[in-house]
Amino acid sequence: MNPKVDEFIDKAQKWHIEMSVLRTILLDCNLTEELKWGQPCYSFNNSNVVMIGLFKDFCTLSFFKGTLLSDSNGILNSPGENSQAIRMIKFTNVKEIEDKVAILKAYIFEAIEIEKAGLKVEFTKSTVFDIPEEFQKKLDEMPNLKTAFESLTPGRQRAYVLYFSAGKQSQTRESRVEKYIPQILDGKGINDCTCGLSKKMPACDGTHRFND
């Protein structure tokens, strides 16, 4: 148990019990627990497998290579219409988790076997943009981020690249990239809020995690 995750759960405003139950399930599967991109992340042999995600109306297990899972129970959801790698399972209460313990472990162990086999997600190539050096470095260091970014629509990709590139100093560009890594991994564009709406839409109350 990573103390950073203890602190994260203690400070979270919602989903304490749900996170604790999910955490126990994941640790029972012999995964390494870390805090990455501000969320509990679980890896096998230094390869990211699954992450616990917190949203306004639900919490999730997000599988980095979810599209490779067989999903025999039909419980995986795409975080975005164009996401080609990550798939998530949504929960709105602890009973939903407790009723699926055996199923969740089966999915987690299947994800581990995918890592053991060295399987890769095949994704559709998107339009190539002039990516700033700071962002390209992260894409090279994090294959899952590269996959998530390339699964976005060309318009969403362009919006990120323009925003990152607009930073006049390298430190500013690096800061912008770091801030939006979790949102890219969730398959969302720069103007997409965690509620699933655009931050530019009146229905979004402007209180969510990725707002400027």
Protein backbone atom coordinates (compact mmCIF):
# COMPACT_ATOMS: atom_id res chain seq x y z
CA MET A 1 0.00 0.00 0.00
CA ASN A 2 1.48 3.27 -1.14
CA PRO A 3 1.20 6.06 1.48
CA LYS A 4 0.59 8.60 -1.28
CA VAL A 5 -2.59 6.74 -2.18
CA ASP A 6 -3.62 6.75 1.49
CA GLU A 7 -3.30 10.51 1.46
CA PHE A 8 -5.19 10.78 -1.81
CA ILE A 9 -8.14 8.77 -0.46
CA ASP A 10 -8.18 10.74 2.80
CA LYS A 11 -8.33 14.05 0.95
CA ALA A 12 -10.88 13.00 -1.68
CA GLN A 13 -14.26 14.70 -1.34
CA LYS A 14 -16.23 11.67 -2.57
CA TRP A 15 -16.01 7.94 -3.20
CA HIS A 16 -13.88 7.05 -0.16
CA ILE A 17 -15.49 3.64 0.45
CA GLU A 18 -15.64 2.78 -3.24
CA MET A 19 -11.97 3.63 -3.71
CA SER A 20 -10.97 1.57 -0.70
CA VAL A 21 -12.81 -1.48 -2.01
CA LEU A 22 -11.37 -1.09 -5.50
CA ARG A 23 -7.92 -0.66 -3.98
CA THR A 24 -8.20 -3.90 -2.04
CA ILE A 25 -9.25 -5.77 -5.18
CA LEU A 26 -6.33 -4.37 -7.17
CA LEU A 27 -3.76 -5.11 -4.49
CA ASP A 28 -5.10 -8.67 -4.23
CA CYS A 29 -4.09 -9.04 -7.88
CA ASN A 30 -0.43 -8.34 -6.99
CA LEU A 31 -0.20 -5.03 -8.83
CA THR A 32 2.18 -2.24 -7.83
CA GLU A 33 0.39 0.78 -6.41
CA GLU A 34 1.50 4.32 -7.25
CA LEU A 35 0.05 7.81 -7.52
CA LYS A 36 0.40 8.98 -11.13
CA TRP A 37 -1.14 12.04 -12.75
CA GLY A 38 -2.90 12.71 -9.46
CA GLN A 39 -4.77 9.37 -9.36
CA PRO A 40 -4.13 5.86 -7.98
CA CYS A 41 -2.44 3.84 -10.70
CA TYR A 42 -1.62 0.12 -10.71
CA SER A 43 1.13 -1.44 -12.77
CA PHE A 44 2.72 -4.80 -13.55
CA ASN A 45 6.46 -4.94 -14.25
CA ASN A 46 6.51 -1.15 -14.66
CA SER A 47 3.70 -1.22 -17.24
CA ASN A 48 0.51 0.66 -16.37
CA VAL A 49 -2.47 -1.67 -16.23
CA VAL A 50 -5.38 0.10 -14.57
CA MET A 51 -6.20 3.36 -12.81
CA ILE A 52 -8.86 4.45 -10.34
CA GLY A 53 -10.63 7.56 -11.61
CA LEU A 54 -12.89 10.01 -9.79
CA PHE A 55 -15.68 11.92 -11.50
CA LYS A 56 -18.59 14.01 -10.32
CA ASP A 57 -21.25 11.31 -10.59
CA PHE A 58 -19.22 8.10 -10.56
CA CYS A 59 -15.81 6.53 -9.98
CA THR A 60 -14.08 4.20 -12.41
CA LEU A 61 -11.54 1.53 -13.12
CA SER A 62 -9.81 2.59 -16.34
CA PHE A 63 -7.83 -0.07 -18.21
CA PHE A 64 -4.98 1.39 -20.26
CA LYS A 65 -5.35 -1.34 -22.91
CA GLY A 66 -9.04 -1.90 -22.37
CA THR A 67 -9.79 -2.41 -26.05
CA LEU A 68 -7.75 -5.62 -25.92
CA LEU A 69 -9.91 -7.09 -23.16
CA SER A 70 -12.53 -9.64 -24.19
CA ASP A 71 -15.21 -7.87 -22.06
CA SER A 72 -17.29 -11.04 -21.80
CA ASN A 73 -19.66 -9.31 -19.36
CA GLY A 74 -20.15 -6.20 -21.48
CA ILE A 75 -19.27 -3.74 -18.70
CA LEU A 76 -16.53 -1.69 -20.36
CA ASN A 77 -17.21 1.85 -21.57
CA SER A 78 -15.20 4.18 -23.77
CA PRO A 79 -14.11 7.43 -22.05
CA GLY A 80 -14.60 9.26 -25.36
CA GLU A 81 -16.16 8.56 -28.72
CA ASN A 82 -12.74 8.27 -30.37
CA SER A 83 -10.76 6.54 -27.63
CA GLN A 84 -9.02 3.53 -29.14
CA ALA A 85 -7.18 2.19 -26.10
CA ILE A 86 -8.64 3.04 -22.70
CA ARG A 87 -11.84 1.41 -21.49
CA MET A 88 -13.47 2.01 -18.12
CA ILE A 89 -15.97 0.46 -15.74
CA LYS A 90 -18.22 2.95 -13.97
CA PHE A 91 -19.50 2.64 -10.39
CA THR A 92 -22.01 4.79 -8.54
CA ASN A 93 -22.05 2.90 -5.22
CA VAL A 94 -20.03 0.34 -3.31
CA LYS A 95 -22.57 -2.47 -3.83
CA GLU A 96 -21.95 -2.36 -7.58
CA ILE A 97 -18.31 -3.09 -6.84
CA GLU A 98 -18.91 -5.77 -4.23
CA ASP A 99 -21.31 -7.61 -6.55
CA LYS A 100 -18.61 -7.77 -9.25
CA VAL A 101 -15.48 -8.68 -7.28
CA ALA A 102 -14.89 -11.96 -9.12
CA ILE A 103 -15.61 -10.35 -12.50
CA LEU A 104 -13.33 -7.40 -11.81
CA LYS A 105 -10.48 -9.68 -10.80
CA ALA A 106 -10.96 -11.68 -13.99
CA TYR A 107 -10.68 -8.49 -16.05
CA ILE A 108 -7.60 -7.36 -14.10
CA PHE A 109 -5.85 -10.71 -14.50
CA GLU A 110 -6.67 -10.67 -18.23
CA ALA A 111 -5.12 -7.19 -18.44
CA ILE A 112 -2.01 -8.51 -16.68
CA GLU A 113 -1.76 -11.37 -19.19
CA ILE A 114 -1.95 -8.80 -21.99
CA GLU A 115 1.10 -7.07 -20.50
CA LYS A 116 2.93 -10.37 -20.07
CA ALA A 117 2.31 -11.14 -23.74
CA GLY A 118 3.55 -7.70 -24.77
CA LEU A 119 0.39 -6.97 -26.77
CA LYS A 120 -0.05 -3.48 -28.23
CA VAL A 121 -3.13 -1.50 -29.11
CA GLU A 122 -3.50 -0.90 -32.84
CA PHE A 123 -4.91 2.53 -33.51
CA THR A 124 -5.87 4.59 -36.50
CA LYS A 125 -3.25 7.12 -37.49
CA SER A 126 -4.39 10.70 -37.12
CA THR A 127 -3.29 13.87 -38.85
CA VAL A 128 0.31 14.73 -38.01
CA PHE A 129 0.86 18.06 -36.26
CA ASP A 130 3.99 20.04 -35.41
CA ILE A 131 4.20 18.85 -31.81
CA PRO A 132 6.27 20.92 -29.37
CA GLU A 133 9.40 19.25 -27.99
CA GLU A 134 8.09 19.16 -24.40
CA PHE A 135 4.96 17.26 -25.42
CA GLN A 136 6.83 14.94 -27.80
CA LYS A 137 9.13 13.97 -24.94
CA LYS A 138 6.15 12.88 -22.84
CA LEU A 139 4.67 10.96 -25.76
CA ASP A 140 7.96 9.09 -26.17
CA GLU A 141 8.19 8.36 -22.42
CA MET A 142 4.55 7.26 -22.04
CA PRO A 143 3.26 4.92 -24.78
CA ASN A 144 -0.20 4.95 -23.19
CA LEU A 145 -0.30 8.74 -23.50
CA LYS A 146 0.74 8.51 -27.14
CA THR A 147 -2.02 5.99 -27.78
CA ALA A 148 -4.60 8.11 -25.98
CA PHE A 149 -3.57 11.26 -27.84
CA GLU A 150 -3.63 9.61 -31.25
CA SER A 151 -7.08 8.20 -30.53
CA LEU A 152 -8.50 11.72 -30.15
CA THR A 153 -10.17 13.43 -33.09
CA PRO A 154 -7.84 15.59 -35.21
CA GLY A 155 -9.64 18.66 -33.90
CA ARG A 156 -8.98 17.72 -30.27
CA GLN A 157 -5.36 16.91 -31.07
CA ARG A 158 -4.93 20.26 -32.79
CA ALA A 159 -6.44 22.12 -29.82
CA TYR A 160 -3.93 20.53 -27.44
CA VAL A 161 -0.96 21.16 -29.73
CA LEU A 162 -1.91 24.81 -30.25
CA TYR A 163 -2.36 25.35 -26.51
CA PHE A 164 0.92 23.67 -25.59
CA SER A 165 2.81 25.47 -28.34
CA ALA A 166 1.47 28.86 -27.31
CA GLY A 167 3.60 28.83 -24.15
CA LYS A 168 6.49 31.20 -24.76
CA GLN A 169 8.88 29.46 -22.35
CA SER A 170 9.77 25.78 -22.15
CA GLN A 171 8.79 25.69 -18.47
CA THR A 172 5.33 27.00 -19.34
CA ARG A 173 4.90 24.41 -22.08
CA GLU A 174 6.00 21.63 -19.72
CA SER A 175 3.55 22.81 -17.06
CA ARG A 176 0.69 22.83 -19.55
CA VAL A 177 1.52 19.34 -20.76
CA GLU A 178 1.67 17.94 -17.21
CA LYS A 179 -1.66 19.53 -16.32
CA TYR A 180 -3.52 17.92 -19.20
CA ILE A 181 -1.97 14.43 -19.21
CA PRO A 182 -4.83 12.95 -17.11
CA GLN A 183 -7.44 14.50 -19.40
CA ILE A 184 -5.77 13.12 -22.51
CA LEU A 185 -5.57 9.67 -20.89
CA ASP A 186 -9.31 9.90 -20.23
CA GLY A 187 -9.93 10.43 -23.92
CA LYS A 188 -11.14 14.00 -23.51
CA GLY A 189 -10.38 17.18 -25.41
CA ILE A 190 -8.96 20.29 -23.82
CA ASN A 191 -12.44 21.82 -23.49
CA ASP A 192 -14.13 18.65 -22.23
CA CYS A 193 -14.98 18.65 -18.52
CA THR A 194 -15.00 15.53 -16.33
CA CYS A 195 -18.80 15.72 -16.29
CA GLY A 196 -18.70 14.77 -19.97
CA LEU A 197 -19.72 18.24 -21.16
CA SER A 198 -17.66 20.95 -22.75
CA LYS A 199 -16.42 23.55 -20.27
CA LYS A 200 -17.78 26.09 -22.73
CA MET A 201 -21.34 24.78 -22.31
CA PRO A 202 -23.72 26.53 -19.86
CA ALA A 203 -24.74 23.17 -18.35
CA CYS A 204 -21.26 22.70 -16.91
CA ASP A 205 -21.10 24.35 -13.48
CA GLY A 206 -17.38 25.11 -13.83
CA THR A 207 -16.35 23.34 -10.62
CA HIS A 208 -14.71 20.26 -12.10
CA ARG A 209 -11.18 19.04 -11.84
CA PHE A 210 -9.81 20.10 -15.20
CA ASN A 211 -11.18 23.62 -15.33
CA ASP A 212 -8.59 26.40 -15.71
